[in-house]
Amino acid sequence: MNKALLQQGLKQMTYAILCAFTGPVVIMQAFQNEGHPLYWPVLLVGLLLSGGAIAWGFTGIRNLVDAILGKKRRR
């Protein structure tokens, strides 16, 4: 078991979980304040957080699987 890769995967999953909760909250706040001049920047931040949650989730799961099962050797 690769402990460094396991720690990296757990850290990425922590970031993914944090972004998975904060992204929708920020998006909801943007939609509640559509008339505000900062509507588009807040919506963009929420969408980036949600996209980051998806990306960090995939890379975190991949690193966890590689740490536990070992990396595949490519030919």
PDB file of N, CA and C in Angstrom:
ATOM      1  N   MET A   1       0.846  -1.174   0.000  1.00  0.00           N
ATOM      2  CA  MET A   1       0.000   0.000   0.000  1.00  0.00           C
ATOM      3  C   MET A   1       0.897   1.245   0.000  1.00  0.00           C
ATOM      4  N   ASN A   2       0.587   2.157  -0.884  1.00  0.00           N
ATOM      5  CA  ASN A   2       1.354   3.392  -1.017  1.00  0.00           C
ATOM      6  C   ASN A   2       0.722   4.452  -0.115  1.00  0.00           C
ATOM      7  N   LYS A   3       1.385   4.750   1.018  1.00  0.00           N
ATOM      8  CA  LYS A   3       0.798   5.663   1.998  1.00  0.00           C
ATOM      9  C   LYS A   3       0.772   7.109   1.510  1.00  0.00           C
ATOM     10  N   ALA A   4       1.768   7.526   0.761  1.00  0.00           N
ATOM     11  CA  ALA A   4       1.788   8.903   0.247  1.00  0.00           C
ATOM     12  C   ALA A   4       0.634   9.129  -0.729  1.00  0.00           C
ATOM     13  N   LEU A   5       0.401   8.162  -1.596  1.00  0.00           N
ATOM     14  CA  LEU A   5      -0.703   8.275  -2.553  1.00  0.00           C
ATOM     15  C   LEU A   5      -2.048   8.191  -1.841  1.00  0.00           C
ATOM     16  N   LEU A   6      -2.112   7.410  -0.781  1.00  0.00           N
ATOM     17  CA  LEU A   6      -3.338   7.316   0.010  1.00  0.00           C
ATOM     18  C   LEU A   6      -3.650   8.655   0.681  1.00  0.00           C
ATOM     19  N   GLN A   7      -2.645   9.306   1.241  1.00  0.00           N
ATOM     20  CA  GLN A   7      -2.848  10.609   1.864  1.00  0.00           C
ATOM     21  C   GLN A   7      -3.277  11.653   0.841  1.00  0.00           C
ATOM     22  N   GLN A   8      -2.674  11.610  -0.325  1.00  0.00           N
ATOM     23  CA  GLN A   8      -3.038  12.546  -1.385  1.00  0.00           C
ATOM     24  C   GLN A   8      -4.488  12.311  -1.820  1.00  0.00           C
ATOM     25  N   GLY A   9      -4.891  11.067  -1.950  1.00  0.00           N
ATOM     26  CA  GLY A   9      -6.265  10.747  -2.326  1.00  0.00           C
ATOM     27  C   GLY A   9      -7.267  11.194  -1.275  1.00  0.00           C
ATOM     28  N   LEU A  10      -6.933  10.997  -0.001  1.00  0.00           N
ATOM     29  CA  LEU A  10      -7.825  11.439   1.067  1.00  0.00           C
ATOM     30  C   LEU A  10      -7.946  12.960   1.104  1.00  0.00           C
ATOM     31  N   LYS A  11      -6.848  13.648   0.845  1.00  0.00           N
ATOM     32  CA  LYS A  11      -6.876  15.106   0.805  1.00  0.00           C
ATOM     33  C   LYS A  11      -7.748  15.595  -0.354  1.00  0.00           C
ATOM     34  N   GLN A  12      -7.630  14.961  -1.499  1.00  0.00           N
ATOM     35  CA  GLN A  12      -8.446  15.347  -2.645  1.00  0.00           C
ATOM     36  C   GLN A  12      -9.917  15.055  -2.399  1.00  0.00           C
ATOM     37  N   MET A  13     -10.220  13.963  -1.731  1.00  0.00           N
ATOM     38  CA  MET A  13     -11.613  13.659  -1.414  1.00  0.00           C
ATOM     39  C   MET A  13     -12.175  14.647  -0.401  1.00  0.00           C
ATOM     40  N   THR A  14     -11.343  15.123   0.521  1.00  0.00           N
ATOM     41  CA  THR A  14     -11.784  16.153   1.462  1.00  0.00           C
ATOM     42  C   THR A  14     -12.142  17.428   0.724  1.00  0.00           C
ATOM     43  N   TYR A  15     -11.296  17.838  -0.218  1.00  0.00           N
ATOM     44  CA  TYR A  15     -11.596  19.027  -1.023  1.00  0.00           C
ATOM     45  C   TYR A  15     -12.868  18.824  -1.842  1.00  0.00           C
ATOM     46  N   ALA A  16     -13.048  17.632  -2.367  1.00  0.00           N
ATOM     47  CA  ALA A  16     -14.238  17.346  -3.170  1.00  0.00           C
ATOM     48  C   ALA A  16     -15.500  17.448  -2.321  1.00  0.00           C
ATOM     49  N   ILE A  17     -15.452  16.932  -1.118  1.00  0.00           N
ATOM     50  CA  ILE A  17     -16.634  16.982  -0.253  1.00  0.00           C
ATOM     51  C   ILE A  17     -16.940  18.420   0.149  1.00  0.00           C
ATOM     52  N   LEU A  18     -15.904  19.190   0.460  1.00  0.00           N
ATOM     53  CA  LEU A  18     -16.122  20.596   0.806  1.00  0.00           C
ATOM     54  C   LEU A  18     -16.725  21.372  -0.361  1.00  0.00           C
ATOM     55  N   CYS A  19     -16.203  21.152  -1.551  1.00  0.00           N
ATOM     56  CA  CYS A  19     -16.738  21.835  -2.731  1.00  0.00           C
ATOM     57  C   CYS A  19     -18.128  21.341  -3.080  1.00  0.00           C
ATOM     58  N   ALA A  20     -18.410  20.079  -2.808  1.00  0.00           N
ATOM     59  CA  ALA A  20     -19.731  19.533  -3.112  1.00  0.00           C
ATOM     60  C   ALA A  20     -20.805  20.163  -2.234  1.00  0.00           C
ATOM     61  N   PHE A  21     -20.447  20.621  -1.049  1.00  0.00           N
ATOM     62  CA  PHE A  21     -21.422  21.288  -0.191  1.00  0.00           C
ATOM     63  C   PHE A  21     -21.476  22.795  -0.432  1.00  0.00           C
ATOM     64  N   THR A  22     -20.326  23.437  -0.656  1.00  0.00           N
ATOM     65  CA  THR A  22     -20.325  24.891  -0.796  1.00  0.00           C
ATOM     66  C   THR A  22     -20.774  25.348  -2.183  1.00  0.00           C
ATOM     67  N   GLY A  23     -20.506  24.560  -3.221  1.00  0.00           N
ATOM     68  CA  GLY A  23     -20.888  24.946  -4.578  1.00  0.00           C
ATOM     69  C   GLY A  23     -22.382  25.156  -4.748  1.00  0.00           C
ATOM     70  N   PRO A  24     -23.221  24.192  -4.388  1.00  0.00           N
ATOM     71  CA  PRO A  24     -24.666  24.398  -4.523  1.00  0.00           C
ATOM     72  C   PRO A  24     -25.207  25.527  -3.641  1.00  0.00           C
ATOM     73  N   VAL A  25     -24.604  25.739  -2.468  1.00  0.00           N
ATOM     74  CA  VAL A  25     -25.046  26.837  -1.605  1.00  0.00           C
ATOM     75  C   VAL A  25     -24.778  28.177  -2.277  1.00  0.00           C
ATOM     76  N   VAL A  26     -23.595  28.317  -2.879  1.00  0.00           N
ATOM     77  CA  VAL A  26     -23.257  29.561  -3.566  1.00  0.00           C
ATOM     78  C   VAL A  26     -24.155  29.757  -4.787  1.00  0.00           C
ATOM     79  N   ILE A  27     -24.434  28.695  -5.508  1.00  0.00           N
ATOM     80  CA  ILE A  27     -25.328  28.795  -6.667  1.00  0.00           C
ATOM     81  C   ILE A  27     -26.732  29.201  -6.222  1.00  0.00           C
ATOM     82  N   MET A  28     -27.207  28.633  -5.128  1.00  0.00           N
ATOM     83  CA  MET A  28     -28.531  28.978  -4.625  1.00  0.00           C
ATOM     84  C   MET A  28     -28.585  30.452  -4.213  1.00  0.00           C
ATOM     85  N   GLN A  29     -27.532  30.929  -3.573  1.00  0.00           N
ATOM     86  CA  GLN A  29     -27.493  32.338  -3.179  1.00  0.00           C
ATOM     87  C   GLN A  29     -27.470  33.257  -4.398  1.00  0.00           C
ATOM     88  N   ALA A  30     -26.800  32.828  -5.446  1.00  0.00           N
ATOM     89  CA  ALA A  30     -26.772  33.635  -6.670  1.00  0.00           C
ATOM     90  C   ALA A  30     -28.167  33.716  -7.277  1.00  0.00           C
ATOM     91  N   PHE A  31     -28.891  32.599  -7.313  1.00  0.00           N
ATOM     92  CA  PHE A  31     -30.233  32.604  -7.894  1.00  0.00           C
ATOM     93  C   PHE A  31     -31.234  33.374  -7.042  1.00  0.00           C
ATOM     94  N   GLN A  32     -30.994  33.471  -5.750  1.00  0.00           N
ATOM     95  CA  GLN A  32     -31.884  34.249  -4.895  1.00  0.00           C
ATOM     96  C   GLN A  32     -31.664  35.745  -5.059  1.00  0.00           C
ATOM     97  N   ASN A  33     -30.528  36.150  -5.600  1.00  0.00           N
ATOM     98  CA  ASN A  33     -30.201  37.566  -5.756  1.00  0.00           C
ATOM     99  C   ASN A  33     -29.933  37.891  -7.222  1.00  0.00           C
ATOM    100  N   GLU A  34     -30.864  37.553  -8.092  1.00  0.00           N
ATOM    101  CA  GLU A  34     -30.654  37.755  -9.536  1.00  0.00           C
ATOM    102  C   GLU A  34     -30.532  39.216  -9.926  1.00  0.00           C
ATOM    103  N   GLY A  35     -31.111  40.123  -9.185  1.00  0.00           N
ATOM    104  CA  GLY A  35     -31.034  41.538  -9.530  1.00  0.00           C
ATOM    105  C   GLY A  35     -29.763  42.222  -9.067  1.00  0.00           C
ATOM    106  N   HIS A  36     -28.959  41.544  -8.290  1.00  0.00           N
ATOM    107  CA  HIS A  36     -27.735  42.132  -7.742  1.00  0.00           C
ATOM    108  C   HIS A  36     -26.669  42.229  -8.831  1.00  0.00           C
ATOM    109  N   PRO A  37     -25.835  43.279  -8.792  1.00  0.00           N
ATOM    110  CA  PRO A  37     -24.803  43.418  -9.837  1.00  0.00           C
ATOM    111  C   PRO A  37     -23.738  42.314  -9.803  1.00  0.00           C
ATOM    112  N   LEU A  38     -23.571  41.649  -8.686  1.00  0.00           N
ATOM    113  CA  LEU A  38     -22.579  40.567  -8.598  1.00  0.00           C
ATOM    114  C   LEU A  38     -23.198  39.194  -8.856  1.00  0.00           C
ATOM    115  N   TYR A  39     -24.347  39.153  -9.522  1.00  0.00           N
ATOM    116  CA  TYR A  39     -25.023  37.884  -9.788  1.00  0.00           C
ATOM    117  C   TYR A  39     -24.151  36.942 -10.607  1.00  0.00           C
ATOM    118  N   TRP A  40     -23.628  37.437 -11.718  1.00  0.00           N
ATOM    119  CA  TRP A  40     -22.844  36.563 -12.609  1.00  0.00           C
ATOM    120  C   TRP A  40     -21.533  36.098 -11.985  1.00  0.00           C
ATOM    121  N   PRO A  41     -20.759  36.968 -11.299  1.00  0.00           N
ATOM    122  CA  PRO A  41     -19.533  36.440 -10.670  1.00  0.00           C
ATOM    123  C   PRO A  41     -19.808  35.401  -9.586  1.00  0.00           C
ATOM    124  N   VAL A  42     -20.865  35.612  -8.794  1.00  0.00           N
ATOM    125  CA  VAL A  42     -21.187  34.645  -7.738  1.00  0.00           C
ATOM    126  C   VAL A  42     -21.646  33.327  -8.353  1.00  0.00           C
ATOM    127  N   LEU A  43     -22.454  33.418  -9.415  1.00  0.00           N
ATOM    128  CA  LEU A  43     -22.884  32.197 -10.095  1.00  0.00           C
ATOM    129  C   LEU A  43     -21.695  31.460 -10.691  1.00  0.00           C
ATOM    130  N   LEU A  44     -20.755  32.179 -11.269  1.00  0.00           N
ATOM    131  CA  LEU A  44     -19.568  31.557 -11.848  1.00  0.00           C
ATOM    132  C   LEU A  44     -18.726  30.868 -10.771  1.00  0.00           C
ATOM    133  N   VAL A  45     -18.583  31.502  -9.618  1.00  0.00           N
ATOM    134  CA  VAL A  45     -17.832  30.878  -8.519  1.00  0.00           C
ATOM    135  C   VAL A  45     -18.521  29.594  -8.070  1.00  0.00           C
ATOM    136  N   GLY A  46     -19.833  29.614  -7.975  1.00  0.00           N
ATOM    137  CA  GLY A  46     -20.568  28.416  -7.583  1.00  0.00           C
ATOM    138  C   GLY A  46     -20.420  27.294  -8.589  1.00  0.00           C
ATOM    139  N   LEU A  47     -20.469  27.642  -9.873  1.00  0.00           N
ATOM    140  CA  LEU A  47     -20.293  26.612 -10.910  1.00  0.00           C
ATOM    141  C   LEU A  47     -18.874  26.053 -10.905  1.00  0.00           C
ATOM    142  N   LEU A  48     -17.886  26.912 -10.668  1.00  0.00           N
ATOM    143  CA  LEU A  48     -16.503  26.431 -10.592  1.00  0.00           C
ATOM    144  C   LEU A  48     -16.303  25.518  -9.378  1.00  0.00           C
ATOM    145  N   LEU A  49     -16.921  25.864  -8.265  1.00  0.00           N
ATOM    146  CA  LEU A  49     -16.829  24.993  -7.084  1.00  0.00           C
ATOM    147  C   LEU A  49     -17.485  23.640  -7.341  1.00  0.00           C
ATOM    148  N   SER A  50     -18.622  23.645  -8.009  1.00  0.00           N
ATOM    149  CA  SER A  50     -19.293  22.379  -8.315  1.00  0.00           C
ATOM    150  C   SER A  50     -18.484  21.542  -9.300  1.00  0.00           C
ATOM    151  N   GLY A  51     -17.912  22.185 -10.305  1.00  0.00           N
ATOM    152  CA  GLY A  51     -17.053  21.468 -11.244  1.00  0.00           C
ATOM    153  C   GLY A  51     -15.796  20.951 -10.576  1.00  0.00           C
ATOM    154  N   GLY A  52     -15.255  21.742  -9.659  1.00  0.00           N
ATOM    155  CA  GLY A  52     -14.084  21.297  -8.903  1.00  0.00           C
ATOM    156  C   GLY A  52     -14.382  20.099  -8.032  1.00  0.00           C
ATOM    157  N   ALA A  53     -15.589  20.051  -7.491  1.00  0.00           N
ATOM    158  CA  ALA A  53     -15.977  18.889  -6.677  1.00  0.00           C
ATOM    159  C   ALA A  53     -15.994  17.622  -7.516  1.00  0.00           C
ATOM    160  N   ILE A  54     -16.494  17.727  -8.732  1.00  0.00           N
ATOM    161  CA  ILE A  54     -16.531  16.558  -9.620  1.00  0.00           C
ATOM    162  C   ILE A  54     -15.112  16.133  -9.998  1.00  0.00           C
ATOM    163  N   ALA A  55     -14.279  17.096 -10.378  1.00  0.00           N
ATOM    164  CA  ALA A  55     -12.912  16.778 -10.801  1.00  0.00           C
ATOM    165  C   ALA A  55     -12.096  16.195  -9.647  1.00  0.00           C
ATOM    166  N   TRP A  56     -12.164  16.851  -8.478  1.00  0.00           N
ATOM    167  CA  TRP A  56     -11.421  16.335  -7.326  1.00  0.00           C
ATOM    168  C   TRP A  56     -11.957  14.981  -6.882  1.00  0.00           C
ATOM    169  N   GLY A  57     -13.238  14.751  -7.042  1.00  0.00           N
ATOM    170  CA  GLY A  57     -13.802  13.452  -6.686  1.00  0.00           C
ATOM    171  C   GLY A  57     -13.247  12.337  -7.549  1.00  0.00           C
ATOM    172  N   PHE A  58     -13.192  12.577  -8.860  1.00  0.00           N
ATOM    173  CA  PHE A  58     -12.655  11.549  -9.753  1.00  0.00           C
ATOM    174  C   PHE A  58     -11.175  11.287  -9.495  1.00  0.00           C
ATOM    175  N   THR A  59     -10.384  12.356  -9.356  1.00  0.00           N
ATOM    176  CA  THR A  59      -8.951  12.145  -9.126  1.00  0.00           C
ATOM    177  C   THR A  59      -8.696  11.551  -7.749  1.00  0.00           C
ATOM    178  N   GLY A  60      -9.503  11.937  -6.757  1.00  0.00           N
ATOM    179  CA  GLY A  60      -9.331  11.370  -5.421  1.00  0.00           C
ATOM    180  C   GLY A  60      -9.639   9.892  -5.386  1.00  0.00           C
ATOM    181  N   ILE A  61     -10.726   9.489  -6.039  1.00  0.00           N
ATOM    182  CA  ILE A  61     -11.073   8.061  -6.088  1.00  0.00           C
ATOM    183  C   ILE A  61     -10.003   7.283  -6.847  1.00  0.00           C
ATOM    184  N   ARG A  62      -9.510   7.859  -7.955  1.00  0.00           N
ATOM    185  CA  ARG A  62      -8.460   7.173  -8.719  1.00  0.00           C
ATOM    186  C   ARG A  62      -7.199   6.991  -7.874  1.00  0.00           C
ATOM    187  N   ASN A  63      -6.816   8.025  -7.121  1.00  0.00           N
ATOM    188  CA  ASN A  63      -5.625   7.906  -6.279  1.00  0.00           C
ATOM    189  C   ASN A  63      -5.834   6.915  -5.139  1.00  0.00           C
ATOM    190  N   LEU A  64      -7.029   6.882  -4.569  1.00  0.00           N
ATOM    191  CA  LEU A  64      -7.294   5.913  -3.505  1.00  0.00           C
ATOM    192  C   LEU A  64      -7.228   4.482  -4.021  1.00  0.00           C
ATOM    193  N   VAL A  65      -7.801   4.252  -5.191  1.00  0.00           N
ATOM    194  CA  VAL A  65      -7.765   2.905  -5.774  1.00  0.00           C
ATOM    195  C   VAL A  65      -6.332   2.516  -6.120  1.00  0.00           C
ATOM    196  N   ASP A  66      -5.575   3.459  -6.682  1.00  0.00           N
ATOM    197  CA  ASP A  66      -4.176   3.166  -7.003  1.00  0.00           C
ATOM    198  C   ASP A  66      -3.356   2.905  -5.743  1.00  0.00           C
ATOM    199  N   ALA A  67      -3.659   3.611  -4.656  1.00  0.00           N
ATOM    200  CA  ALA A  67      -2.909   3.416  -3.420  1.00  0.00           C
ATOM    201  C   ALA A  67      -3.220   2.071  -2.793  1.00  0.00           C
ATOM    202  N   ILE A  68      -4.467   1.652  -2.865  1.00  0.00           N
ATOM    203  CA  ILE A  68      -4.848   0.400  -2.212  1.00  0.00           C
ATOM    204  C   ILE A  68      -4.508  -0.808  -3.079  1.00  0.00           C
ATOM    205  N   LEU A  69      -4.831  -0.743  -4.359  1.00  0.00           N
ATOM    206  CA  LEU A  69      -4.638  -1.908  -5.230  1.00  0.00           C
ATOM    207  C   LEU A  69      -3.307  -1.897  -5.974  1.00  0.00           C
ATOM    208  N   GLY A  70      -2.651  -0.770  -6.049  1.00  0.00           N
ATOM    209  CA  GLY A  70      -1.423  -0.659  -6.804  1.00  0.00           C
ATOM    210  C   GLY A  70      -1.707  -0.160  -8.199  1.00  0.00           C
ATOM    211  N   LYS A  71      -0.734   0.557  -8.763  1.00  0.00           N
ATOM    212  CA  LYS A  71      -0.917   1.101 -10.101  1.00  0.00           C
ATOM    213  C   LYS A  71      -0.763   0.006 -11.149  1.00  0.00           C
ATOM    214  N   LYS A  72      -1.561   0.141 -12.211  1.00  0.00           N
ATOM    215  CA  LYS A  72      -1.405  -0.786 -13.343  1.00  0.00           C
ATOM    216  C   LYS A  72      -0.169  -0.390 -14.134  1.00  0.00           C
ATOM    217  N   ARG A  73       0.513  -1.373 -14.614  1.00  0.00           N
ATOM    218  CA  ARG A  73       1.676  -1.102 -15.465  1.00  0.00           C
ATOM    219  C   ARG A  73       1.224  -1.061 -16.912  1.00  0.00           C
ATOM    220  N   ARG A  74       1.555   0.027 -17.574  1.00  0.00           N
ATOM    221  CA  ARG A  74       1.183   0.170 -18.983  1.00  0.00           C
ATOM    222  C   ARG A  74       2.301  -0.357 -19.852  1.00  0.00           C
ATOM    223  N   ARG A  75       1.902  -0.912 -20.984  1.00  0.00           N
ATOM    224  CA  ARG A  75       2.908  -1.480 -21.892  1.00  0.00           C
ATOM    225  C   ARG A  75       3.463  -0.451 -22.804  1.00  0.00           C
TER     226      ARG A  75
END
